[in-house]
Amino acid sequence: MNRIRLIQAISEAIIPILGVFYFNWGLYFILLFYFIDLIASEVFVYIKVNKIIQFQRINFSFQLRYGRLIFNSLLVLAIIIAAHFVILLLSPTISLYEEFVAFIMYEDTGIPIPQGIILLPLVIFGNLQQYKAFFIKNGRYRMSSWKELVFMRRKVLYLTLIGIGLGLVLAYFIVVPAMVYILGIVVVKFWIDLKWG
């Protein structure tokens, strides 16, 4: 196992845990953090596929290359929408708009800048560093299959959708504390980052 990947997975797991225990972040707050990472990761899949195709001089039609990527992007959209249904089942009185604005405008102690201004560049920077360290520097783009990359990403998205489906079932039939959902999300994300990150 790559030490850098382990450190990155641990740091991504620590942020929401610290948020819960020290900054009173709720489940939706943490999901918004992960949504930003999910979208940034999806963008970098497009970048990786284009790098592979460009380097390997593969000539594919738009439909073949982007059709598979667009399907993955639709899965990302389905994940985000389904997660919102879970939140609405758990907290029927929640104002998603107000929570979103609170997330963007949130200021950490000692940093008088809204996190929306800081967080997006940090997530993009983290994904860029991962792209450079695990994809460019070690030359994976030279030998990787763009189809395998797309389908590996799809497998992760399917697993995420299954997890959200489980969350929907739990939220509909049983009352489960938000902390259980948060820990489940963090553990599964940590495992995915280690295995496929």
N, C-alpha and C. Protein backbone atom coordinates (compact mmCIF):
# COMPACT_ATOMS: atom_id res chain seq x y z
N MET A 1 0.84 -1.17 0.00
CA MET A 1 0.00 0.00 0.00
C MET A 1 0.89 1.24 0.00
N ASN A 2 0.55 2.20 -0.81
CA ASN A 2 1.33 3.41 -0.93
C ASN A 2 1.14 4.28 0.31
N ARG A 3 2.27 4.72 0.88
CA ARG A 3 2.22 5.52 2.11
C ARG A 3 1.52 6.85 1.88
N ILE A 4 1.73 7.48 0.73
CA ILE A 4 1.08 8.77 0.43
C ILE A 4 -0.43 8.59 0.35
N ARG A 5 -0.86 7.50 -0.27
CA ARG A 5 -2.30 7.23 -0.37
C ARG A 5 -2.91 7.03 1.01
N LEU A 6 -2.18 6.32 1.89
CA LEU A 6 -2.66 6.09 3.26
C LEU A 6 -2.78 7.41 4.01
N ILE A 7 -1.77 8.27 3.90
CA ILE A 7 -1.78 9.56 4.58
C ILE A 7 -2.94 10.42 4.07
N GLN A 8 -3.15 10.41 2.76
CA GLN A 8 -4.23 11.20 2.18
C GLN A 8 -5.60 10.67 2.64
N ALA A 9 -5.75 9.35 2.67
CA ALA A 9 -7.02 8.76 3.12
C ALA A 9 -7.28 9.09 4.58
N ILE A 10 -6.24 9.04 5.41
CA ILE A 10 -6.40 9.38 6.83
C ILE A 10 -6.78 10.85 6.99
N SER A 11 -6.10 11.74 6.25
CA SER A 11 -6.40 13.16 6.39
C SER A 11 -7.82 13.48 5.93
N GLU A 12 -8.30 12.80 4.88
CA GLU A 12 -9.67 13.03 4.43
C GLU A 12 -10.69 12.45 5.41
N ALA A 13 -10.30 11.45 6.18
CA ALA A 13 -11.20 10.90 7.19
C ALA A 13 -11.21 11.76 8.46
N ILE A 14 -10.08 12.37 8.77
CA ILE A 14 -9.97 13.17 9.99
C ILE A 14 -10.80 14.45 9.90
N ILE A 15 -10.85 15.08 8.72
CA ILE A 15 -11.54 16.36 8.58
C ILE A 15 -12.99 16.29 9.04
N PRO A 16 -13.81 15.34 8.53
CA PRO A 16 -15.20 15.31 9.01
C PRO A 16 -15.33 14.92 10.48
N ILE A 17 -14.42 14.05 10.97
CA ILE A 17 -14.49 13.65 12.38
C ILE A 17 -14.20 14.86 13.28
N LEU A 18 -13.18 15.63 12.91
CA LEU A 18 -12.90 16.86 13.66
C LEU A 18 -14.08 17.82 13.55
N GLY A 19 -14.66 17.90 12.37
CA GLY A 19 -15.80 18.78 12.16
C GLY A 19 -16.96 18.44 13.09
N VAL A 20 -17.22 17.16 13.27
CA VAL A 20 -18.32 16.72 14.14
C VAL A 20 -18.03 17.04 15.60
N PHE A 21 -16.83 16.69 16.06
CA PHE A 21 -16.54 16.79 17.49
C PHE A 21 -16.08 18.18 17.94
N TYR A 22 -15.47 18.95 17.05
CA TYR A 22 -14.93 20.24 17.47
C TYR A 22 -15.65 21.44 16.88
N PHE A 23 -16.32 21.28 15.74
CA PHE A 23 -16.96 22.43 15.09
C PHE A 23 -18.47 22.26 14.94
N ASN A 24 -19.02 21.19 15.55
CA ASN A 24 -20.47 20.94 15.52
C ASN A 24 -21.03 20.80 14.10
N TRP A 25 -20.29 20.20 13.21
CA TRP A 25 -20.81 19.94 11.87
C TRP A 25 -21.87 18.86 11.97
N GLY A 26 -22.92 19.00 11.19
CA GLY A 26 -23.95 17.98 11.12
C GLY A 26 -23.74 17.07 9.92
N LEU A 27 -24.66 16.14 9.74
CA LEU A 27 -24.55 15.18 8.64
C LEU A 27 -24.56 15.88 7.29
N TYR A 28 -25.47 16.83 7.10
CA TYR A 28 -25.55 17.51 5.79
C TYR A 28 -24.29 18.32 5.51
N PHE A 29 -23.75 18.93 6.55
CA PHE A 29 -22.51 19.69 6.42
C PHE A 29 -21.39 18.80 5.87
N ILE A 30 -21.29 17.61 6.45
CA ILE A 30 -20.26 16.66 6.03
C ILE A 30 -20.53 16.15 4.62
N LEU A 31 -21.80 15.89 4.31
CA LEU A 31 -22.12 15.46 2.95
C LEU A 31 -21.76 16.52 1.92
N LEU A 32 -21.97 17.79 2.24
CA LEU A 32 -21.59 18.86 1.31
C LEU A 32 -20.07 18.85 1.07
N PHE A 33 -19.32 18.62 2.13
CA PHE A 33 -17.86 18.50 1.99
C PHE A 33 -17.51 17.37 1.03
N TYR A 34 -18.17 16.21 1.20
CA TYR A 34 -17.89 15.07 0.34
C TYR A 34 -18.41 15.29 -1.09
N PHE A 35 -19.51 16.04 -1.25
CA PHE A 35 -20.01 16.32 -2.60
C PHE A 35 -18.98 17.10 -3.40
N ILE A 36 -18.33 18.07 -2.75
CA ILE A 36 -17.29 18.86 -3.44
C ILE A 36 -16.17 17.93 -3.89
N ASP A 37 -15.75 17.03 -3.01
CA ASP A 37 -14.69 16.09 -3.35
C ASP A 37 -15.14 15.13 -4.47
N LEU A 38 -16.39 14.69 -4.41
CA LEU A 38 -16.94 13.78 -5.42
C LEU A 38 -16.92 14.43 -6.80
N ILE A 39 -17.35 15.68 -6.86
CA ILE A 39 -17.39 16.39 -8.15
C ILE A 39 -15.98 16.65 -8.66
N ALA A 40 -15.08 17.08 -7.77
CA ALA A 40 -13.69 17.32 -8.18
C ALA A 40 -13.04 16.03 -8.69
N SER A 41 -13.30 14.91 -8.00
CA SER A 41 -12.75 13.62 -8.44
C SER A 41 -13.28 13.25 -9.82
N GLU A 42 -14.55 13.54 -10.06
CA GLU A 42 -15.14 13.23 -11.37
C GLU A 42 -14.49 14.04 -12.47
N VAL A 43 -14.22 15.31 -12.19
CA VAL A 43 -13.54 16.17 -13.18
C VAL A 43 -12.16 15.60 -13.49
N PHE A 44 -11.46 15.12 -12.47
CA PHE A 44 -10.12 14.59 -12.70
C PHE A 44 -10.14 13.25 -13.44
N VAL A 45 -11.24 12.52 -13.37
CA VAL A 45 -11.37 11.32 -14.20
C VAL A 45 -11.39 11.72 -15.67
N TYR A 46 -12.12 12.77 -16.00
CA TYR A 46 -12.12 13.28 -17.38
C TYR A 46 -10.71 13.67 -17.80
N ILE A 47 -10.00 14.36 -16.91
CA ILE A 47 -8.63 14.80 -17.22
C ILE A 47 -7.72 13.59 -17.44
N LYS A 48 -7.83 12.58 -16.59
CA LYS A 48 -7.00 11.38 -16.73
C LYS A 48 -7.30 10.64 -18.03
N VAL A 49 -8.58 10.48 -18.34
CA VAL A 49 -8.96 9.79 -19.58
C VAL A 49 -8.39 10.52 -20.79
N ASN A 50 -8.52 11.85 -20.79
CA ASN A 50 -7.98 12.62 -21.90
C ASN A 50 -6.46 12.51 -22.00
N LYS A 51 -5.79 12.47 -20.85
CA LYS A 51 -4.32 12.31 -20.85
C LYS A 51 -3.92 10.94 -21.42
N ILE A 52 -4.63 9.89 -21.02
CA ILE A 52 -4.33 8.54 -21.54
C ILE A 52 -4.53 8.51 -23.05
N ILE A 53 -5.66 9.01 -23.49
CA ILE A 53 -5.98 8.96 -24.93
C ILE A 53 -5.01 9.81 -25.72
N GLN A 54 -4.65 10.97 -25.18
CA GLN A 54 -3.70 11.85 -25.87
C GLN A 54 -2.32 11.19 -25.95
N PHE A 55 -1.83 10.63 -24.84
CA PHE A 55 -0.49 10.05 -24.84
C PHE A 55 -0.44 8.78 -25.70
N GLN A 56 -1.45 7.94 -25.56
CA GLN A 56 -1.44 6.66 -26.29
C GLN A 56 -1.94 6.83 -27.73
N ARG A 57 -2.30 8.03 -28.11
CA ARG A 57 -2.77 8.36 -29.47
C ARG A 57 -3.91 7.45 -29.91
N ILE A 58 -4.87 7.32 -29.00
CA ILE A 58 -6.04 6.49 -29.29
C ILE A 58 -7.06 7.38 -29.98
N ASN A 59 -7.63 6.89 -31.06
CA ASN A 59 -8.60 7.67 -31.81
C ASN A 59 -9.99 7.07 -31.60
N PHE A 60 -10.75 7.69 -30.69
CA PHE A 60 -12.10 7.21 -30.42
C PHE A 60 -13.09 8.31 -30.71
N SER A 61 -14.28 7.90 -31.06
CA SER A 61 -15.33 8.88 -31.32
C SER A 61 -15.78 9.51 -30.01
N PHE A 62 -16.41 10.66 -30.14
CA PHE A 62 -16.92 11.37 -28.98
C PHE A 62 -17.86 10.49 -28.18
N GLN A 63 -18.77 9.79 -28.86
CA GLN A 63 -19.78 8.99 -28.17
C GLN A 63 -19.15 7.89 -27.33
N LEU A 64 -18.12 7.24 -27.86
CA LEU A 64 -17.51 6.12 -27.15
C LEU A 64 -16.78 6.60 -25.89
N ARG A 65 -15.97 7.64 -26.04
CA ARG A 65 -15.19 8.13 -24.91
C ARG A 65 -16.06 8.86 -23.91
N TYR A 66 -16.75 9.88 -24.37
CA TYR A 66 -17.50 10.73 -23.46
C TYR A 66 -18.83 10.13 -23.02
N GLY A 67 -19.38 9.23 -23.83
CA GLY A 67 -20.62 8.58 -23.43
C GLY A 67 -20.46 7.83 -22.12
N ARG A 68 -19.34 7.12 -21.98
CA ARG A 68 -19.09 6.38 -20.74
C ARG A 68 -18.81 7.32 -19.57
N LEU A 69 -18.09 8.42 -19.86
CA LEU A 69 -17.82 9.39 -18.81
C LEU A 69 -19.10 10.12 -18.38
N ILE A 70 -19.94 10.45 -19.35
CA ILE A 70 -21.19 11.14 -19.02
C ILE A 70 -22.09 10.23 -18.17
N PHE A 71 -22.10 8.93 -18.47
CA PHE A 71 -22.88 8.01 -17.64
C PHE A 71 -22.38 8.05 -16.20
N ASN A 72 -21.05 8.08 -16.01
CA ASN A 72 -20.50 8.18 -14.66
C ASN A 72 -20.93 9.49 -14.00
N SER A 73 -20.93 10.57 -14.77
CA SER A 73 -21.34 11.86 -14.23
C SER A 73 -22.81 11.85 -13.82
N LEU A 74 -23.63 11.12 -14.58
CA LEU A 74 -25.04 10.97 -14.21
C LEU A 74 -25.18 10.18 -12.91
N LEU A 75 -24.29 9.21 -12.70
CA LEU A 75 -24.28 8.48 -11.43
C LEU A 75 -23.92 9.41 -10.27
N VAL A 76 -22.96 10.32 -10.49
CA VAL A 76 -22.60 11.31 -9.47
C VAL A 76 -23.82 12.16 -9.13
N LEU A 77 -24.54 12.60 -10.16
CA LEU A 77 -25.75 13.40 -9.93
C LEU A 77 -26.79 12.59 -9.15
N ALA A 78 -26.95 11.32 -9.51
CA ALA A 78 -27.90 10.46 -8.79
C ALA A 78 -27.49 10.31 -7.32
N ILE A 79 -26.20 10.19 -7.05
CA ILE A 79 -25.70 10.08 -5.68
C ILE A 79 -26.07 11.33 -4.88
N ILE A 80 -25.83 12.49 -5.47
CA ILE A 80 -26.10 13.74 -4.77
C ILE A 80 -27.61 13.89 -4.51
N ILE A 81 -28.43 13.58 -5.50
CA ILE A 81 -29.89 13.69 -5.33
C ILE A 81 -30.39 12.69 -4.28
N ALA A 82 -29.94 11.44 -4.37
CA ALA A 82 -30.38 10.41 -3.42
C ALA A 82 -29.95 10.75 -2.00
N ALA A 83 -28.75 11.30 -1.85
CA ALA A 83 -28.28 11.69 -0.51
C ALA A 83 -29.17 12.79 0.07
N HIS A 84 -29.66 13.67 -0.79
CA HIS A 84 -30.58 14.72 -0.31
C HIS A 84 -31.90 14.11 0.18
N PHE A 85 -32.36 13.04 -0.47
CA PHE A 85 -33.57 12.37 0.00
C PHE A 85 -33.35 11.77 1.39
N VAL A 86 -32.16 11.21 1.61
CA VAL A 86 -31.85 10.67 2.94
C VAL A 86 -31.90 11.79 3.98
N ILE A 87 -31.27 12.92 3.66
CA ILE A 87 -31.25 14.05 4.59
C ILE A 87 -32.67 14.52 4.89
N LEU A 88 -33.52 14.60 3.85
CA LEU A 88 -34.90 15.06 4.06
C LEU A 88 -35.71 14.05 4.87
N LEU A 89 -35.41 12.76 4.73
CA LEU A 89 -36.08 11.76 5.57
C LEU A 89 -35.64 11.86 7.02
N LEU A 90 -34.35 12.12 7.22
CA LEU A 90 -33.82 12.21 8.58
C LEU A 90 -34.23 13.51 9.27
N SER A 91 -34.28 14.60 8.50
CA SER A 91 -34.61 15.92 9.06
C SER A 91 -35.63 16.60 8.17
N PRO A 92 -36.90 16.26 8.31
CA PRO A 92 -37.93 16.82 7.42
C PRO A 92 -38.03 18.34 7.46
N THR A 93 -37.62 18.96 8.55
CA THR A 93 -37.75 20.42 8.66
C THR A 93 -36.50 21.17 8.20
N ILE A 94 -35.51 20.48 7.73
CA ILE A 94 -34.26 21.13 7.33
C ILE A 94 -34.48 22.03 6.11
N SER A 95 -33.83 23.16 6.10
CA SER A 95 -33.82 24.03 4.93
C SER A 95 -32.49 23.79 4.22
N LEU A 96 -32.53 23.07 3.12
CA LEU A 96 -31.29 22.73 2.41
C LEU A 96 -30.56 23.98 1.93
N TYR A 97 -31.33 24.96 1.49
CA TYR A 97 -30.72 26.21 1.02
C TYR A 97 -29.97 26.90 2.16
N GLU A 98 -30.62 27.04 3.31
CA GLU A 98 -29.98 27.70 4.45
C GLU A 98 -28.75 26.93 4.92
N GLU A 99 -28.84 25.61 4.92
CA GLU A 99 -27.69 24.79 5.32
C GLU A 99 -26.54 24.94 4.33
N PHE A 100 -26.87 25.02 3.04
CA PHE A 100 -25.84 25.20 2.02
C PHE A 100 -25.13 26.54 2.20
N VAL A 101 -25.91 27.61 2.40
CA VAL A 101 -25.33 28.94 2.62
C VAL A 101 -24.49 28.94 3.89
N ALA A 102 -24.98 28.28 4.94
CA ALA A 102 -24.21 28.20 6.19
C ALA A 102 -22.89 27.47 5.96
N PHE A 103 -22.92 26.44 5.13
CA PHE A 103 -21.69 25.69 4.81
C PHE A 103 -20.69 26.58 4.08
N ILE A 104 -21.16 27.31 3.07
CA ILE A 104 -20.27 28.17 2.28
C ILE A 104 -19.72 29.31 3.14
N MET A 105 -20.56 29.90 4.00
CA MET A 105 -20.16 31.08 4.77
C MET A 105 -19.52 30.73 6.12
N TYR A 106 -19.42 29.45 6.44
CA TYR A 106 -18.87 29.03 7.73
C TYR A 106 -17.43 29.51 7.87
N GLU A 107 -17.11 30.08 9.04
CA GLU A 107 -15.75 30.53 9.33
C GLU A 107 -15.20 29.73 10.50
N ASP A 108 -14.05 29.09 10.28
CA ASP A 108 -13.38 28.37 11.36
C ASP A 108 -12.81 29.36 12.35
N THR A 109 -12.64 28.90 13.58
CA THR A 109 -12.04 29.72 14.61
C THR A 109 -10.63 30.11 14.19
N GLY A 110 -10.36 31.41 14.21
CA GLY A 110 -9.02 31.90 13.88
C GLY A 110 -8.81 32.17 12.40
N ILE A 111 -9.74 31.75 11.55
CA ILE A 111 -9.62 32.00 10.11
C ILE A 111 -10.85 32.81 9.69
N PRO A 112 -10.70 34.12 9.55
CA PRO A 112 -11.87 34.96 9.29
C PRO A 112 -12.28 35.01 7.80
N ILE A 113 -12.13 33.89 7.12
CA ILE A 113 -12.51 33.81 5.71
C ILE A 113 -13.53 32.69 5.58
N PRO A 114 -14.65 32.93 4.88
CA PRO A 114 -15.63 31.84 4.71
C PRO A 114 -14.98 30.62 4.06
N GLN A 115 -15.35 29.45 4.58
CA GLN A 115 -14.70 28.22 4.11
C GLN A 115 -15.01 27.93 2.65
N GLY A 116 -16.12 28.46 2.13
CA GLY A 116 -16.42 28.25 0.71
C GLY A 116 -15.32 28.79 -0.18
N ILE A 117 -14.67 29.86 0.27
CA ILE A 117 -13.58 30.47 -0.49
C ILE A 117 -12.32 29.62 -0.36
N ILE A 118 -12.15 28.97 0.78
CA ILE A 118 -10.94 28.19 1.05
C ILE A 118 -11.08 26.74 0.61
N LEU A 119 -12.25 26.15 0.86
CA LEU A 119 -12.42 24.70 0.70
C LEU A 119 -12.31 24.24 -0.75
N LEU A 120 -12.97 24.93 -1.66
CA LEU A 120 -12.94 24.51 -3.06
C LEU A 120 -11.51 24.45 -3.61
N PRO A 121 -10.70 25.53 -3.45
CA PRO A 121 -9.31 25.42 -3.91
C PRO A 121 -8.52 24.30 -3.23
N LEU A 122 -8.79 24.07 -1.93
CA LEU A 122 -8.08 23.00 -1.22
C LEU A 122 -8.43 21.63 -1.78
N VAL A 123 -9.71 21.40 -2.07
CA VAL A 123 -10.13 20.12 -2.63
C VAL A 123 -9.54 19.94 -4.02
N ILE A 124 -9.57 20.99 -4.82
CA ILE A 124 -8.99 20.92 -6.17
C ILE A 124 -7.49 20.67 -6.07
N PHE A 125 -6.81 21.37 -5.16
CA PHE A 125 -5.38 21.18 -4.97
C PHE A 125 -5.06 19.75 -4.55
N GLY A 126 -5.85 19.20 -3.62
CA GLY A 126 -5.64 17.81 -3.18
C GLY A 126 -5.80 16.83 -4.32
N ASN A 127 -6.83 17.02 -5.15
CA ASN A 127 -7.03 16.15 -6.30
C ASN A 127 -5.92 16.33 -7.34
N LEU A 128 -5.46 17.56 -7.50
CA LEU A 128 -4.36 17.82 -8.44
C LEU A 128 -3.08 17.14 -7.97
N GLN A 129 -2.80 17.22 -6.66
CA GLN A 129 -1.62 16.56 -6.11
C GLN A 129 -1.71 15.05 -6.29
N GLN A 130 -2.89 14.51 -6.06
CA GLN A 130 -3.09 13.07 -6.25
C GLN A 130 -2.89 12.70 -7.72
N TYR A 131 -3.41 13.51 -8.61
CA TYR A 131 -3.25 13.30 -10.06
C TYR A 131 -1.77 13.29 -10.44
N LYS A 132 -1.04 14.27 -9.92
CA LYS A 132 0.39 14.35 -10.25
C LYS A 132 1.18 13.20 -9.64
N ALA A 133 0.90 12.87 -8.36
CA ALA A 133 1.68 11.84 -7.66
C ALA A 133 1.38 10.43 -8.15
N PHE A 134 0.09 10.11 -8.36
CA PHE A 134 -0.27 8.73 -8.68
C PHE A 134 -0.54 8.48 -10.15
N PHE A 135 -0.58 9.53 -10.95
CA PHE A 135 -0.94 9.32 -12.35
C PHE A 135 0.14 9.81 -13.30
N ILE A 136 0.67 10.99 -13.05
CA ILE A 136 1.68 11.56 -13.94
C ILE A 136 3.08 11.10 -13.54
N LYS A 137 3.44 11.33 -12.28
CA LYS A 137 4.81 11.05 -11.82
C LYS A 137 5.20 9.59 -12.01
N ASN A 138 4.29 8.66 -11.71
CA ASN A 138 4.65 7.25 -11.87
C ASN A 138 4.31 6.71 -13.26
N GLY A 139 3.85 7.58 -14.15
CA GLY A 139 3.63 7.19 -15.54
C GLY A 139 2.44 6.28 -15.79
N ARG A 140 1.45 6.32 -14.92
CA ARG A 140 0.29 5.44 -15.12
C ARG A 140 -0.45 5.74 -16.42
N TYR A 141 -0.40 6.99 -16.85
CA TYR A 141 -1.09 7.36 -18.09
C TYR A 141 -0.50 6.64 -19.30
N ARG A 142 0.75 6.18 -19.19
CA ARG A 142 1.39 5.48 -20.31
C ARG A 142 0.85 4.08 -20.50
N MET A 143 0.50 3.42 -19.39
CA MET A 143 0.11 2.01 -19.47
C MET A 143 -1.33 1.73 -19.07
N SER A 144 -2.02 2.75 -18.55
CA SER A 144 -3.39 2.54 -18.10
C SER A 144 -4.36 2.45 -19.27
N SER A 145 -5.42 1.72 -19.03
CA SER A 145 -6.51 1.66 -20.00
C SER A 145 -7.56 2.68 -19.58
N TRP A 146 -7.96 3.53 -20.50
CA TRP A 146 -8.96 4.54 -20.16
C TRP A 146 -10.29 3.88 -19.81
N LYS A 147 -10.57 2.74 -20.46
CA LYS A 147 -11.83 2.04 -20.16
C LYS A 147 -11.80 1.49 -18.73
N GLU A 148 -10.66 0.91 -18.33
CA GLU A 148 -10.55 0.39 -16.96
C GLU A 148 -10.71 1.50 -15.94
N LEU A 149 -10.14 2.66 -16.23
CA LEU A 149 -10.26 3.81 -15.34
C LEU A 149 -11.72 4.22 -15.19
N VAL A 150 -12.44 4.30 -16.31
CA VAL A 150 -13.86 4.69 -16.29
C VAL A 150 -14.68 3.65 -15.53
N PHE A 151 -14.42 2.36 -15.80
CA PHE A 151 -15.22 1.32 -15.15
C PHE A 151 -14.85 1.14 -13.68
N MET A 152 -13.60 1.40 -13.31
CA MET A 152 -13.22 1.35 -11.91
C MET A 152 -13.94 2.47 -11.15
N ARG A 153 -13.97 3.66 -11.76
CA ARG A 153 -14.70 4.78 -11.16
C ARG A 153 -16.19 4.44 -11.04
N ARG A 154 -16.73 3.80 -12.06
CA ARG A 154 -18.14 3.43 -12.04
C ARG A 154 -18.43 2.46 -10.90
N LYS A 155 -17.50 1.53 -10.65
CA LYS A 155 -17.68 0.58 -9.55
C LYS A 155 -17.77 1.32 -8.22
N VAL A 156 -16.91 2.32 -8.02
CA VAL A 156 -16.94 3.12 -6.80
C VAL A 156 -18.27 3.88 -6.70
N LEU A 157 -18.74 4.41 -7.82
CA LEU A 157 -20.01 5.14 -7.81
C LEU A 157 -21.18 4.22 -7.50
N TYR A 158 -21.15 3.01 -8.06
CA TYR A 158 -22.20 2.04 -7.75
C TYR A 158 -22.20 1.68 -6.25
N LEU A 159 -21.00 1.46 -5.69
CA LEU A 159 -20.91 1.16 -4.26
C LEU A 159 -21.47 2.30 -3.42
N THR A 160 -21.18 3.52 -3.85
CA THR A 160 -21.70 4.69 -3.14
C THR A 160 -23.22 4.74 -3.23
N LEU A 161 -23.76 4.46 -4.41
CA LEU A 161 -25.22 4.44 -4.58
C LEU A 161 -25.87 3.35 -3.72
N ILE A 162 -25.23 2.21 -3.63
CA ILE A 162 -25.75 1.12 -2.79
C ILE A 162 -25.76 1.58 -1.32
N GLY A 163 -24.69 2.25 -0.90
CA GLY A 163 -24.64 2.78 0.46
C GLY A 163 -25.74 3.79 0.73
N ILE A 164 -26.00 4.65 -0.24
CA ILE A 164 -27.06 5.64 -0.08
C ILE A 164 -28.42 4.94 -0.08
N GLY A 165 -28.57 3.91 -0.90
CA GLY A 165 -29.81 3.14 -0.89
C GLY A 165 -30.05 2.52 0.47
N LEU A 166 -29.00 1.98 1.07
CA LEU A 166 -29.10 1.44 2.43
C LEU A 166 -29.49 2.55 3.41
N GLY A 167 -28.88 3.73 3.23
CA GLY A 167 -29.22 4.86 4.08
C GLY A 167 -30.69 5.27 3.94
N LEU A 168 -31.19 5.23 2.70
CA LEU A 168 -32.61 5.54 2.46
C LEU A 168 -33.53 4.56 3.18
N VAL A 169 -33.19 3.28 3.07
CA VAL A 169 -34.01 2.24 3.73
C VAL A 169 -33.98 2.44 5.24
N LEU A 170 -32.79 2.65 5.79
CA LEU A 170 -32.67 2.86 7.24
C LEU A 170 -33.45 4.10 7.68
N ALA A 171 -33.29 5.19 6.93
CA ALA A 171 -33.96 6.44 7.30
C ALA A 171 -35.48 6.30 7.23
N TYR A 172 -35.95 5.48 6.32
CA TYR A 172 -37.40 5.31 6.15
C TYR A 172 -38.01 4.43 7.23
N PHE A 173 -37.30 3.37 7.63
CA PHE A 173 -37.89 2.39 8.53
C PHE A 173 -37.44 2.49 9.99
N ILE A 174 -36.23 2.96 10.23
CA ILE A 174 -35.70 2.96 11.60
C ILE A 174 -35.09 4.33 11.90
N VAL A 175 -35.13 4.71 13.14
CA VAL A 175 -34.46 5.94 13.56
C VAL A 175 -33.03 5.57 13.97
N VAL A 176 -32.09 6.09 13.20
CA VAL A 176 -30.67 5.83 13.47
C VAL A 176 -30.01 7.19 13.74
N PRO A 177 -29.21 7.30 14.78
CA PRO A 177 -28.55 8.58 15.06
C PRO A 177 -27.66 9.03 13.89
N ALA A 178 -27.62 10.33 13.69
CA ALA A 178 -26.82 10.89 12.59
C ALA A 178 -25.36 10.47 12.69
N MET A 179 -24.86 10.30 13.92
CA MET A 179 -23.46 9.91 14.11
C MET A 179 -23.17 8.56 13.46
N VAL A 180 -24.13 7.66 13.45
CA VAL A 180 -23.94 6.35 12.81
C VAL A 180 -23.76 6.53 11.30
N TYR A 181 -24.57 7.39 10.72
CA TYR A 181 -24.42 7.69 9.28
C TYR A 181 -23.05 8.32 9.00
N ILE A 182 -22.68 9.27 9.84
CA ILE A 182 -21.40 9.97 9.64
C ILE A 182 -20.24 8.99 9.71
N LEU A 183 -20.22 8.15 10.75
CA LEU A 183 -19.13 7.17 10.88
C LEU A 183 -19.13 6.18 9.71
N GLY A 184 -20.32 5.76 9.29
CA GLY A 184 -20.41 4.86 8.14
C GLY A 184 -19.84 5.50 6.88
N ILE A 185 -20.19 6.76 6.64
CA ILE A 185 -19.69 7.47 5.46
C ILE A 185 -18.17 7.59 5.52
N VAL A 186 -17.65 7.98 6.68
CA VAL A 186 -16.20 8.18 6.82
C VAL A 186 -15.46 6.86 6.62
N VAL A 187 -15.95 5.78 7.22
CA VAL A 187 -15.27 4.48 7.11
C VAL A 187 -15.29 3.98 5.65
N VAL A 188 -16.45 4.07 5.00
CA VAL A 188 -16.54 3.60 3.61
C VAL A 188 -15.68 4.45 2.69
N LYS A 189 -15.70 5.77 2.89
CA LYS A 189 -14.86 6.66 2.06
C LYS A 189 -13.38 6.35 2.28
N PHE A 190 -13.00 6.10 3.53
CA PHE A 190 -11.61 5.75 3.84
C PHE A 190 -11.22 4.46 3.10
N TRP A 191 -12.09 3.46 3.15
CA TRP A 191 -11.82 2.18 2.47
C TRP A 191 -11.71 2.37 0.96
N ILE A 192 -12.61 3.16 0.38
CA ILE A 192 -12.58 3.42 -1.07
C ILE A 192 -11.30 4.16 -1.43
N ASP A 193 -10.90 5.16 -0.63
CA ASP A 193 -9.67 5.91 -0.92
C ASP A 193 -8.45 5.00 -0.88
N LEU A 194 -8.42 4.05 0.06
CA LEU A 194 -7.29 3.13 0.15
C LEU A 194 -7.26 2.15 -1.02
N LYS A 195 -8.43 1.64 -1.36
CA LYS A 195 -8.50 0.59 -2.39
C LYS A 195 -8.42 1.15 -3.81
N TRP A 196 -9.12 2.23 -4.06
CA TRP A 196 -9.20 2.75 -5.44
C TRP A 196 -8.77 4.20 -5.59
N GLY A 197 -8.29 4.83 -4.52
CA GLY A 197 -7.99 6.27 -4.56
C GLY A 197 -6.92 6.68 -5.51
